[in-house]
Amino acid sequence: MAERAGVKKSLAQYHFENKEVLWREAVQQVWQQRSDALPRYLDGVAMNMDDTGKPTQMIRDLCQRLLRFTFAHPEWVKMMFQEASTPGPRLDWMVENFLKADFMDGKAMIELA
């Protein structure tokens, strides 16, 4: 892993106690990049209702922007699919630290739709 990152193994071992700590730091880094980028994709979503009083266009805009983000950030999608495919402590940690909040945001959007 250190070689792929272009650093010496001893440097990685100095900064990270073990592979699990390194993994968590990597996940936090990717999630922070996602948190920094996502608002740019969602900026300007109109909170308008259609003629029937439903937020149809807003939901459509939001889904399109989320898809654009997903296509522009394949590293985040890869990490999500890879880690979510295997139940265990890593997935539990991701749920507790990141996915619960995302689930609540997604739930609110689905309820609005």
N, C-alpha and C. Protein backbone atom coordinates (compact mmCIF):
# COMPACT_ATOMS: atom_id res chain seq x y z
N MET A 1 0.82 -1.18 0.00
CA MET A 1 0.00 0.00 0.00
C MET A 1 0.87 1.25 0.00
N ALA A 2 1.92 1.24 0.79
CA ALA A 2 2.82 2.40 0.84
C ALA A 2 3.44 2.65 -0.52
N GLU A 3 3.81 1.57 -1.19
CA GLU A 3 4.43 1.71 -2.51
C GLU A 3 3.48 2.38 -3.49
N ARG A 4 2.19 1.99 -3.47
CA ARG A 4 1.21 2.61 -4.37
C ARG A 4 1.02 4.08 -4.05
N ALA A 5 1.22 4.45 -2.79
CA ALA A 5 1.08 5.85 -2.39
C ALA A 5 2.36 6.64 -2.65
N GLY A 6 3.42 5.93 -3.03
CA GLY A 6 4.67 6.60 -3.34
C GLY A 6 5.48 6.99 -2.11
N VAL A 7 5.29 6.26 -1.01
CA VAL A 7 6.04 6.54 0.21
C VAL A 7 6.69 5.25 0.70
N LYS A 8 7.68 5.41 1.55
CA LYS A 8 8.34 4.24 2.11
C LYS A 8 7.43 3.61 3.17
N LYS A 9 7.50 2.28 3.24
CA LYS A 9 6.69 1.55 4.21
C LYS A 9 6.95 2.02 5.63
N SER A 10 8.21 2.32 5.95
CA SER A 10 8.55 2.76 7.30
C SER A 10 7.87 4.09 7.65
N LEU A 11 7.69 4.95 6.65
CA LEU A 11 7.01 6.23 6.90
C LEU A 11 5.53 5.99 7.23
N ALA A 12 4.91 5.10 6.47
CA ALA A 12 3.50 4.77 6.74
C ALA A 12 3.36 4.13 8.13
N GLN A 13 4.28 3.24 8.47
CA GLN A 13 4.22 2.59 9.78
C GLN A 13 4.46 3.58 10.91
N TYR A 14 5.25 4.59 10.66
CA TYR A 14 5.51 5.61 11.67
C TYR A 14 4.25 6.42 11.97
N HIS A 15 3.50 6.74 10.93
CA HIS A 15 2.32 7.60 11.09
C HIS A 15 1.04 6.84 11.45
N PHE A 16 0.98 5.57 11.14
CA PHE A 16 -0.24 4.80 11.38
C PHE A 16 0.11 3.56 12.20
N GLU A 17 -0.57 3.42 13.31
CA GLU A 17 -0.31 2.33 14.25
C GLU A 17 -0.46 0.95 13.61
N ASN A 18 -1.48 0.81 12.75
CA ASN A 18 -1.73 -0.46 12.08
C ASN A 18 -2.59 -0.21 10.84
N LYS A 19 -2.89 -1.28 10.11
CA LYS A 19 -3.65 -1.14 8.87
C LYS A 19 -5.06 -0.60 9.11
N GLU A 20 -5.64 -0.99 10.23
CA GLU A 20 -7.00 -0.54 10.53
C GLU A 20 -7.04 0.98 10.73
N VAL A 21 -6.06 1.51 11.42
CA VAL A 21 -5.98 2.96 11.62
C VAL A 21 -5.78 3.67 10.27
N LEU A 22 -4.92 3.11 9.45
CA LEU A 22 -4.70 3.66 8.11
C LEU A 22 -5.99 3.63 7.31
N TRP A 23 -6.71 2.52 7.36
CA TRP A 23 -7.98 2.40 6.64
C TRP A 23 -8.97 3.46 7.11
N ARG A 24 -9.10 3.62 8.42
CA ARG A 24 -10.05 4.61 8.94
C ARG A 24 -9.67 6.03 8.51
N GLU A 25 -8.40 6.33 8.54
CA GLU A 25 -7.94 7.65 8.09
C GLU A 25 -8.25 7.85 6.60
N ALA A 26 -8.06 6.80 5.81
CA ALA A 26 -8.36 6.89 4.38
C ALA A 26 -9.85 7.12 4.16
N VAL A 27 -10.68 6.40 4.88
CA VAL A 27 -12.14 6.57 4.75
C VAL A 27 -12.53 7.99 5.17
N GLN A 28 -11.98 8.46 6.26
CA GLN A 28 -12.29 9.82 6.71
C GLN A 28 -11.86 10.85 5.66
N GLN A 29 -10.72 10.62 5.03
CA GLN A 29 -10.23 11.54 3.99
C GLN A 29 -11.18 11.56 2.79
N VAL A 30 -11.58 10.38 2.33
CA VAL A 30 -12.49 10.31 1.19
C VAL A 30 -13.83 10.94 1.56
N TRP A 31 -14.31 10.68 2.77
CA TRP A 31 -15.60 11.26 3.19
C TRP A 31 -15.51 12.77 3.32
N GLN A 32 -14.38 13.28 3.77
CA GLN A 32 -14.20 14.73 3.86
C GLN A 32 -14.19 15.35 2.47
N GLN A 33 -13.51 14.70 1.53
CA GLN A 33 -13.52 15.20 0.15
C GLN A 33 -14.94 15.21 -0.39
N ARG A 34 -15.70 14.19 -0.07
CA ARG A 34 -17.09 14.12 -0.49
C ARG A 34 -17.91 15.24 0.16
N SER A 35 -17.70 15.45 1.44
CA SER A 35 -18.44 16.50 2.16
C SER A 35 -18.08 17.89 1.64
N ASP A 36 -16.84 18.06 1.22
CA ASP A 36 -16.43 19.35 0.66
C ASP A 36 -17.00 19.57 -0.74
N ALA A 37 -17.09 18.49 -1.53
CA ALA A 37 -17.52 18.61 -2.92
C ALA A 37 -19.03 18.62 -3.09
N LEU A 38 -19.73 17.84 -2.30
CA LEU A 38 -21.17 17.67 -2.49
C LEU A 38 -21.97 18.97 -2.49
N PRO A 39 -21.69 19.91 -1.60
CA PRO A 39 -22.47 21.15 -1.63
C PRO A 39 -22.39 21.90 -2.96
N ARG A 40 -21.25 21.82 -3.65
CA ARG A 40 -21.14 22.48 -4.96
C ARG A 40 -22.11 21.87 -5.96
N TYR A 41 -22.37 20.59 -5.83
CA TYR A 41 -23.30 19.92 -6.74
C TYR A 41 -24.75 20.23 -6.38
N LEU A 42 -24.99 20.46 -5.10
CA LEU A 42 -26.37 20.68 -4.66
C LEU A 42 -26.75 22.15 -4.60
N ASP A 43 -25.77 23.04 -4.73
CA ASP A 43 -26.03 24.47 -4.66
C ASP A 43 -27.02 24.89 -5.75
N GLY A 44 -28.03 25.59 -5.36
CA GLY A 44 -28.99 26.12 -6.32
C GLY A 44 -30.16 25.21 -6.64
N VAL A 45 -30.31 24.09 -5.92
CA VAL A 45 -31.48 23.26 -6.15
C VAL A 45 -32.70 24.07 -5.74
N ALA A 46 -33.56 24.27 -6.69
CA ALA A 46 -34.74 25.09 -6.45
C ALA A 46 -35.70 24.37 -5.51
N MET A 47 -36.16 25.07 -4.50
CA MET A 47 -37.11 24.49 -3.55
C MET A 47 -38.54 24.79 -3.99
N ASN A 48 -38.78 24.75 -5.30
CA ASN A 48 -40.09 25.09 -5.84
C ASN A 48 -40.99 23.87 -5.93
N MET A 49 -42.25 24.14 -5.88
CA MET A 49 -43.25 23.09 -6.05
C MET A 49 -43.83 23.23 -7.47
N ASP A 50 -44.33 22.13 -8.01
CA ASP A 50 -44.97 22.20 -9.33
C ASP A 50 -46.41 22.71 -9.17
N ASP A 51 -47.15 22.69 -10.27
CA ASP A 51 -48.52 23.21 -10.26
C ASP A 51 -49.45 22.46 -9.31
N THR A 52 -49.10 21.22 -8.99
CA THR A 52 -49.95 20.43 -8.10
C THR A 52 -49.52 20.57 -6.64
N GLY A 53 -48.49 21.39 -6.39
CA GLY A 53 -48.01 21.57 -5.03
C GLY A 53 -47.00 20.53 -4.60
N LYS A 54 -46.47 19.76 -5.57
CA LYS A 54 -45.49 18.72 -5.27
C LYS A 54 -44.10 19.19 -5.71
N PRO A 55 -43.08 18.74 -5.00
CA PRO A 55 -41.71 19.18 -5.31
C PRO A 55 -41.06 18.36 -6.44
N THR A 56 -41.82 18.08 -7.51
CA THR A 56 -41.35 17.19 -8.56
C THR A 56 -40.04 17.64 -9.18
N GLN A 57 -39.96 18.88 -9.62
CA GLN A 57 -38.75 19.37 -10.28
C GLN A 57 -37.58 19.42 -9.31
N MET A 58 -37.85 19.79 -8.08
CA MET A 58 -36.78 19.85 -7.08
C MET A 58 -36.18 18.46 -6.88
N ILE A 59 -37.01 17.44 -6.75
CA ILE A 59 -36.52 16.07 -6.57
C ILE A 59 -35.75 15.63 -7.80
N ARG A 60 -36.25 15.98 -8.98
CA ARG A 60 -35.56 15.63 -10.23
C ARG A 60 -34.18 16.29 -10.27
N ASP A 61 -34.12 17.58 -9.94
CA ASP A 61 -32.84 18.31 -9.92
C ASP A 61 -31.88 17.69 -8.91
N LEU A 62 -32.38 17.39 -7.75
CA LEU A 62 -31.54 16.82 -6.70
C LEU A 62 -30.97 15.47 -7.13
N CYS A 63 -31.80 14.61 -7.70
CA CYS A 63 -31.33 13.30 -8.17
C CYS A 63 -30.29 13.46 -9.27
N GLN A 64 -30.51 14.37 -10.21
CA GLN A 64 -29.55 14.59 -11.29
C GLN A 64 -28.21 15.08 -10.74
N ARG A 65 -28.25 15.97 -9.79
CA ARG A 65 -27.01 16.50 -9.22
C ARG A 65 -26.28 15.44 -8.40
N LEU A 66 -27.02 14.63 -7.69
CA LEU A 66 -26.38 13.53 -6.94
C LEU A 66 -25.73 12.53 -7.90
N LEU A 67 -26.38 12.28 -9.02
CA LEU A 67 -25.77 11.39 -10.02
C LEU A 67 -24.52 12.01 -10.62
N ARG A 68 -24.54 13.31 -10.90
CA ARG A 68 -23.33 13.98 -11.41
C ARG A 68 -22.19 13.87 -10.41
N PHE A 69 -22.49 14.07 -9.15
CA PHE A 69 -21.46 13.92 -8.12
C PHE A 69 -20.91 12.50 -8.13
N THR A 70 -21.78 11.52 -8.20
CA THR A 70 -21.37 10.13 -8.17
C THR A 70 -20.44 9.81 -9.34
N PHE A 71 -20.79 10.28 -10.54
CA PHE A 71 -19.95 10.02 -11.71
C PHE A 71 -18.61 10.74 -11.60
N ALA A 72 -18.60 11.89 -10.97
CA ALA A 72 -17.36 12.68 -10.85
C ALA A 72 -16.46 12.17 -9.74
N HIS A 73 -16.97 11.33 -8.84
CA HIS A 73 -16.19 10.85 -7.69
C HIS A 73 -16.26 9.33 -7.57
N PRO A 74 -15.70 8.62 -8.55
CA PRO A 74 -15.79 7.16 -8.52
C PRO A 74 -15.07 6.54 -7.33
N GLU A 75 -14.08 7.23 -6.76
CA GLU A 75 -13.36 6.67 -5.61
C GLU A 75 -14.28 6.51 -4.41
N TRP A 76 -15.20 7.43 -4.25
CA TRP A 76 -16.15 7.36 -3.15
C TRP A 76 -17.12 6.20 -3.38
N VAL A 77 -17.61 6.09 -4.61
CA VAL A 77 -18.54 5.01 -4.94
C VAL A 77 -17.87 3.65 -4.76
N LYS A 78 -16.64 3.52 -5.24
CA LYS A 78 -15.91 2.26 -5.12
C LYS A 78 -15.76 1.87 -3.65
N MET A 79 -15.37 2.84 -2.82
CA MET A 79 -15.19 2.56 -1.40
C MET A 79 -16.52 2.11 -0.78
N MET A 80 -17.59 2.81 -1.12
CA MET A 80 -18.90 2.47 -0.56
C MET A 80 -19.31 1.04 -0.93
N PHE A 81 -19.20 0.70 -2.20
CA PHE A 81 -19.60 -0.64 -2.64
C PHE A 81 -18.69 -1.70 -2.03
N GLN A 82 -17.41 -1.42 -2.02
CA GLN A 82 -16.45 -2.41 -1.51
C GLN A 82 -16.69 -2.68 -0.02
N GLU A 83 -16.84 -1.66 0.76
CA GLU A 83 -16.99 -1.86 2.20
C GLU A 83 -18.40 -2.30 2.58
N ALA A 84 -19.40 -1.87 1.84
CA ALA A 84 -20.78 -2.24 2.18
C ALA A 84 -21.11 -3.67 1.77
N SER A 85 -20.26 -4.27 0.95
CA SER A 85 -20.55 -5.62 0.48
C SER A 85 -20.21 -6.70 1.51
N THR A 86 -19.47 -6.33 2.55
CA THR A 86 -19.05 -7.31 3.55
C THR A 86 -19.43 -6.83 4.95
N PRO A 87 -20.45 -7.44 5.55
CA PRO A 87 -20.79 -7.06 6.93
C PRO A 87 -19.61 -7.32 7.86
N GLY A 88 -19.46 -6.44 8.83
CA GLY A 88 -18.38 -6.63 9.80
C GLY A 88 -18.05 -5.33 10.50
N PRO A 89 -16.96 -5.31 11.24
CA PRO A 89 -16.60 -4.14 12.04
C PRO A 89 -16.34 -2.88 11.21
N ARG A 90 -15.78 -3.04 10.02
CA ARG A 90 -15.53 -1.86 9.19
C ARG A 90 -16.84 -1.20 8.76
N LEU A 91 -17.76 -2.02 8.29
CA LEU A 91 -19.06 -1.48 7.89
C LEU A 91 -19.78 -0.88 9.09
N ASP A 92 -19.72 -1.55 10.23
CA ASP A 92 -20.34 -1.00 11.45
C ASP A 92 -19.76 0.37 11.78
N TRP A 93 -18.44 0.50 11.65
CA TRP A 93 -17.78 1.78 11.94
C TRP A 93 -18.23 2.86 10.96
N MET A 94 -18.32 2.49 9.67
CA MET A 94 -18.78 3.47 8.67
C MET A 94 -20.22 3.89 8.92
N VAL A 95 -21.06 2.94 9.30
CA VAL A 95 -22.46 3.27 9.59
C VAL A 95 -22.51 4.26 10.74
N GLU A 96 -21.81 3.95 11.80
CA GLU A 96 -21.84 4.80 13.00
C GLU A 96 -21.28 6.18 12.74
N ASN A 97 -20.21 6.27 11.98
CA ASN A 97 -19.52 7.55 11.80
C ASN A 97 -19.98 8.37 10.61
N PHE A 98 -20.58 7.73 9.60
CA PHE A 98 -20.93 8.48 8.40
C PHE A 98 -22.31 8.18 7.85
N LEU A 99 -22.66 6.92 7.77
CA LEU A 99 -23.86 6.54 7.04
C LEU A 99 -25.17 6.86 7.76
N LYS A 100 -25.18 6.88 9.08
CA LYS A 100 -26.42 7.22 9.79
C LYS A 100 -26.91 8.61 9.40
N ALA A 101 -25.99 9.58 9.38
CA ALA A 101 -26.38 10.94 9.01
C ALA A 101 -26.84 11.00 7.56
N ASP A 102 -26.14 10.31 6.67
CA ASP A 102 -26.55 10.28 5.27
C ASP A 102 -27.92 9.63 5.11
N PHE A 103 -28.15 8.58 5.87
CA PHE A 103 -29.44 7.90 5.80
C PHE A 103 -30.56 8.86 6.19
N MET A 104 -30.35 9.63 7.25
CA MET A 104 -31.39 10.57 7.68
C MET A 104 -31.65 11.64 6.63
N ASP A 105 -30.59 12.12 6.00
CA ASP A 105 -30.75 13.11 4.92
C ASP A 105 -31.50 12.49 3.74
N GLY A 106 -31.12 11.27 3.38
CA GLY A 106 -31.78 10.58 2.28
C GLY A 106 -33.23 10.27 2.59
N LYS A 107 -33.48 9.91 3.81
CA LYS A 107 -34.85 9.61 4.25
C LYS A 107 -35.73 10.85 4.12
N ALA A 108 -35.19 11.99 4.51
CA ALA A 108 -35.95 13.25 4.40
C ALA A 108 -36.27 13.55 2.94
N MET A 109 -35.31 13.31 2.04
CA MET A 109 -35.56 13.56 0.62
C MET A 109 -36.63 12.62 0.09
N ILE A 110 -36.56 11.35 0.47
CA ILE A 110 -37.56 10.38 0.00
C ILE A 110 -38.94 10.72 0.55
N GLU A 111 -39.02 11.12 1.80
CA GLU A 111 -40.30 11.51 2.38
C GLU A 111 -40.87 12.73 1.66
N LEU A 112 -40.01 13.67 1.28
CA LEU A 112 -40.46 14.84 0.54
C LEU A 112 -41.00 14.44 -0.82
N ALA A 113 -40.32 13.50 -1.45
CA ALA A 113 -40.75 13.03 -2.77
C ALA A 113 -42.09 12.32 -2.67
